[in-house]
Amino acid sequence: MLPASHLWAGALSQLLILEETGCPHSARHAICLLNHLSEFDDLDEDVRQLFERASQRLERRIPGPALVYGGK
């Protein structure tokens, strides 16, 4: 089962804003949303890994300290 569609839509929106404007705040918001999505208990493991990979790739792309979200 997939997490709430509003979280998916929010992450996609932030990724598009990042691509269109280069805004690092959008990258940070996308990272938070992707990390939150990856924490859903009933998420398929392949999808979880996809979210984690995307989050890690974004973290490498933006300057500044690493973003910490949740308990991970």
N, C-alpha and C. Protein backbone atom coordinates (compact mmCIF):
# COMPACT_ATOMS: atom_id res chain seq x y z
N MET A 1 0.83 -1.19 0.00
CA MET A 1 0.00 0.00 0.00
C MET A 1 0.88 1.25 0.00
N LEU A 2 0.50 2.23 -0.76
CA LEU A 2 1.28 3.46 -0.86
C LEU A 2 0.82 4.48 0.18
N PRO A 3 1.77 5.26 0.71
CA PRO A 3 1.40 6.31 1.67
C PRO A 3 0.49 7.34 1.03
N ALA A 4 0.00 8.24 1.86
CA ALA A 4 -0.95 9.27 1.43
C ALA A 4 -0.46 10.01 0.19
N SER A 5 -1.40 10.19 -0.72
CA SER A 5 -1.05 10.81 -2.01
C SER A 5 -0.59 12.26 -1.85
N HIS A 6 -1.05 12.95 -0.80
CA HIS A 6 -0.62 14.34 -0.62
C HIS A 6 0.87 14.42 -0.31
N LEU A 7 1.44 13.40 0.33
CA LEU A 7 2.88 13.39 0.58
C LEU A 7 3.66 13.15 -0.70
N TRP A 8 3.16 12.22 -1.52
CA TRP A 8 3.79 11.98 -2.82
C TRP A 8 3.75 13.24 -3.66
N ALA A 9 2.58 13.88 -3.69
CA ALA A 9 2.41 15.09 -4.50
C ALA A 9 3.32 16.20 -3.99
N GLY A 10 3.45 16.33 -2.69
CA GLY A 10 4.32 17.35 -2.12
C GLY A 10 5.78 17.11 -2.48
N ALA A 11 6.23 15.86 -2.38
CA ALA A 11 7.62 15.55 -2.74
C ALA A 11 7.88 15.82 -4.21
N LEU A 12 6.96 15.41 -5.06
CA LEU A 12 7.12 15.65 -6.50
C LEU A 12 7.13 17.15 -6.80
N SER A 13 6.25 17.89 -6.15
CA SER A 13 6.19 19.33 -6.35
C SER A 13 7.51 20.00 -5.96
N GLN A 14 8.06 19.59 -4.83
CA GLN A 14 9.32 20.18 -4.39
C GLN A 14 10.47 19.82 -5.34
N LEU A 15 10.46 18.60 -5.86
CA LEU A 15 11.48 18.21 -6.83
C LEU A 15 11.38 19.02 -8.11
N LEU A 16 10.16 19.27 -8.56
CA LEU A 16 9.97 20.09 -9.76
C LEU A 16 10.42 21.53 -9.53
N ILE A 17 10.08 22.08 -8.38
CA ILE A 17 10.53 23.44 -8.06
C ILE A 17 12.05 23.50 -8.04
N LEU A 18 12.67 22.48 -7.44
CA LEU A 18 14.14 22.43 -7.41
C LEU A 18 14.71 22.42 -8.82
N GLU A 19 14.15 21.60 -9.69
CA GLU A 19 14.65 21.52 -11.07
C GLU A 19 14.41 22.82 -11.83
N GLU A 20 13.30 23.48 -11.56
CA GLU A 20 12.96 24.71 -12.28
C GLU A 20 13.74 25.92 -11.78
N THR A 21 14.01 25.97 -10.47
CA THR A 21 14.59 27.18 -9.88
C THR A 21 15.95 26.98 -9.23
N GLY A 22 16.27 25.73 -8.91
CA GLY A 22 17.52 25.46 -8.19
C GLY A 22 17.43 25.81 -6.71
N CYS A 23 16.23 26.03 -6.20
CA CYS A 23 16.02 26.47 -4.82
C CYS A 23 16.46 25.38 -3.82
N PRO A 24 17.46 25.67 -2.98
CA PRO A 24 17.90 24.67 -2.01
C PRO A 24 16.84 24.37 -0.95
N HIS A 25 15.96 25.32 -0.68
CA HIS A 25 14.88 25.06 0.29
C HIS A 25 13.94 23.99 -0.24
N SER A 26 13.69 24.00 -1.53
CA SER A 26 12.85 22.96 -2.13
C SER A 26 13.51 21.60 -2.00
N ALA A 27 14.82 21.57 -2.16
CA ALA A 27 15.54 20.31 -2.00
C ALA A 27 15.40 19.80 -0.57
N ARG A 28 15.54 20.71 0.40
CA ARG A 28 15.41 20.31 1.79
C ARG A 28 13.99 19.82 2.11
N HIS A 29 13.01 20.50 1.57
CA HIS A 29 11.62 20.06 1.77
C HIS A 29 11.40 18.68 1.13
N ALA A 30 11.93 18.49 -0.06
CA ALA A 30 11.79 17.19 -0.73
C ALA A 30 12.47 16.10 0.09
N ILE A 31 13.64 16.38 0.63
CA ILE A 31 14.34 15.41 1.47
C ILE A 31 13.49 15.02 2.67
N CYS A 32 12.91 16.01 3.33
CA CYS A 32 12.05 15.72 4.50
C CYS A 32 10.87 14.84 4.11
N LEU A 33 10.24 15.18 3.00
CA LEU A 33 9.08 14.39 2.56
C LEU A 33 9.48 12.98 2.15
N LEU A 34 10.58 12.84 1.44
CA LEU A 34 11.05 11.51 1.04
C LEU A 34 11.42 10.67 2.25
N ASN A 35 12.08 11.29 3.23
CA ASN A 35 12.42 10.56 4.45
C ASN A 35 11.16 10.14 5.20
N HIS A 36 10.19 11.02 5.26
CA HIS A 36 8.92 10.69 5.93
C HIS A 36 8.22 9.55 5.20
N LEU A 37 8.18 9.62 3.89
CA LEU A 37 7.55 8.56 3.11
C LEU A 37 8.25 7.22 3.33
N SER A 38 9.57 7.24 3.44
CA SER A 38 10.31 5.99 3.59
C SER A 38 10.09 5.34 4.95
N GLU A 39 9.51 6.06 5.90
CA GLU A 39 9.30 5.53 7.24
C GLU A 39 7.96 4.81 7.41
N PHE A 40 7.12 4.80 6.40
CA PHE A 40 5.84 4.10 6.51
C PHE A 40 6.09 2.61 6.70
N ASP A 41 5.45 2.03 7.71
CA ASP A 41 5.69 0.62 8.06
C ASP A 41 5.32 -0.36 6.96
N ASP A 42 4.23 -0.10 6.27
CA ASP A 42 3.75 -1.07 5.29
C ASP A 42 4.23 -0.78 3.86
N LEU A 43 5.28 -0.01 3.74
CA LEU A 43 5.80 0.36 2.42
C LEU A 43 6.61 -0.79 1.83
N ASP A 44 6.43 -1.02 0.56
CA ASP A 44 7.22 -2.01 -0.16
C ASP A 44 8.71 -1.68 -0.03
N GLU A 45 9.53 -2.68 0.20
CA GLU A 45 10.96 -2.44 0.43
C GLU A 45 11.66 -1.80 -0.77
N ASP A 46 11.28 -2.16 -1.97
CA ASP A 46 11.89 -1.53 -3.16
C ASP A 46 11.56 -0.04 -3.24
N VAL A 47 10.33 0.31 -2.90
CA VAL A 47 9.92 1.72 -2.91
C VAL A 47 10.65 2.47 -1.79
N ARG A 48 10.78 1.85 -0.62
CA ARG A 48 11.51 2.46 0.50
C ARG A 48 12.96 2.79 0.08
N GLN A 49 13.59 1.85 -0.57
CA GLN A 49 14.97 2.08 -1.02
C GLN A 49 15.04 3.18 -2.06
N LEU A 50 14.04 3.26 -2.91
CA LEU A 50 13.99 4.33 -3.91
C LEU A 50 13.90 5.69 -3.23
N PHE A 51 13.01 5.81 -2.24
CA PHE A 51 12.90 7.07 -1.49
C PHE A 51 14.22 7.43 -0.81
N GLU A 52 14.85 6.43 -0.20
CA GLU A 52 16.11 6.68 0.51
C GLU A 52 17.21 7.11 -0.46
N ARG A 53 17.29 6.45 -1.60
CA ARG A 53 18.29 6.83 -2.61
C ARG A 53 18.06 8.25 -3.11
N ALA A 54 16.82 8.58 -3.38
CA ALA A 54 16.50 9.94 -3.85
C ALA A 54 16.86 10.97 -2.80
N SER A 55 16.55 10.70 -1.56
CA SER A 55 16.87 11.61 -0.47
C SER A 55 18.39 11.81 -0.35
N GLN A 56 19.14 10.72 -0.40
CA GLN A 56 20.59 10.80 -0.30
C GLN A 56 21.19 11.57 -1.47
N ARG A 57 20.67 11.35 -2.66
CA ARG A 57 21.17 12.06 -3.84
C ARG A 57 20.92 13.56 -3.70
N LEU A 58 19.75 13.93 -3.21
CA LEU A 58 19.45 15.35 -3.01
C LEU A 58 20.36 15.96 -1.95
N GLU A 59 20.63 15.23 -0.88
CA GLU A 59 21.51 15.73 0.17
C GLU A 59 22.90 16.05 -0.38
N ARG A 60 23.38 15.23 -1.29
CA ARG A 60 24.70 15.48 -1.89
C ARG A 60 24.68 16.68 -2.82
N ARG A 61 23.50 17.02 -3.32
CA ARG A 61 23.37 18.08 -4.32
C ARG A 61 23.32 19.48 -3.71
N ILE A 62 22.86 19.60 -2.46
CA ILE A 62 22.70 20.92 -1.87
C ILE A 62 23.84 21.23 -0.92
N PRO A 63 24.25 22.50 -0.87
CA PRO A 63 25.32 22.90 0.05
C PRO A 63 24.81 22.98 1.48
N GLY A 64 25.73 22.96 2.42
CA GLY A 64 25.36 23.14 3.81
C GLY A 64 25.36 21.84 4.58
N PRO A 65 25.03 21.94 5.88
CA PRO A 65 25.04 20.73 6.72
C PRO A 65 23.94 19.76 6.31
N ALA A 66 24.18 18.51 6.62
CA ALA A 66 23.20 17.46 6.30
C ALA A 66 21.93 17.70 7.10
N LEU A 67 20.83 17.37 6.51
CA LEU A 67 19.53 17.53 7.13
C LEU A 67 19.20 16.28 7.91
N VAL A 68 18.81 16.44 9.17
CA VAL A 68 18.43 15.30 10.00
C VAL A 68 16.93 15.34 10.17
N TYR A 69 16.30 14.21 9.91
CA TYR A 69 14.85 14.12 10.01
C TYR A 69 14.49 12.83 10.73
N GLY A 70 13.63 12.95 11.69
CA GLY A 70 13.14 11.76 12.37
C GLY A 70 14.22 11.10 13.21
N GLY A 71 14.00 9.86 13.50
CA GLY A 71 14.90 9.12 14.37
C GLY A 71 16.00 8.38 13.65
N LYS A 72 16.09 8.50 12.36
CA LYS A 72 17.09 7.74 11.60
C LYS A 72 18.38 8.50 11.48
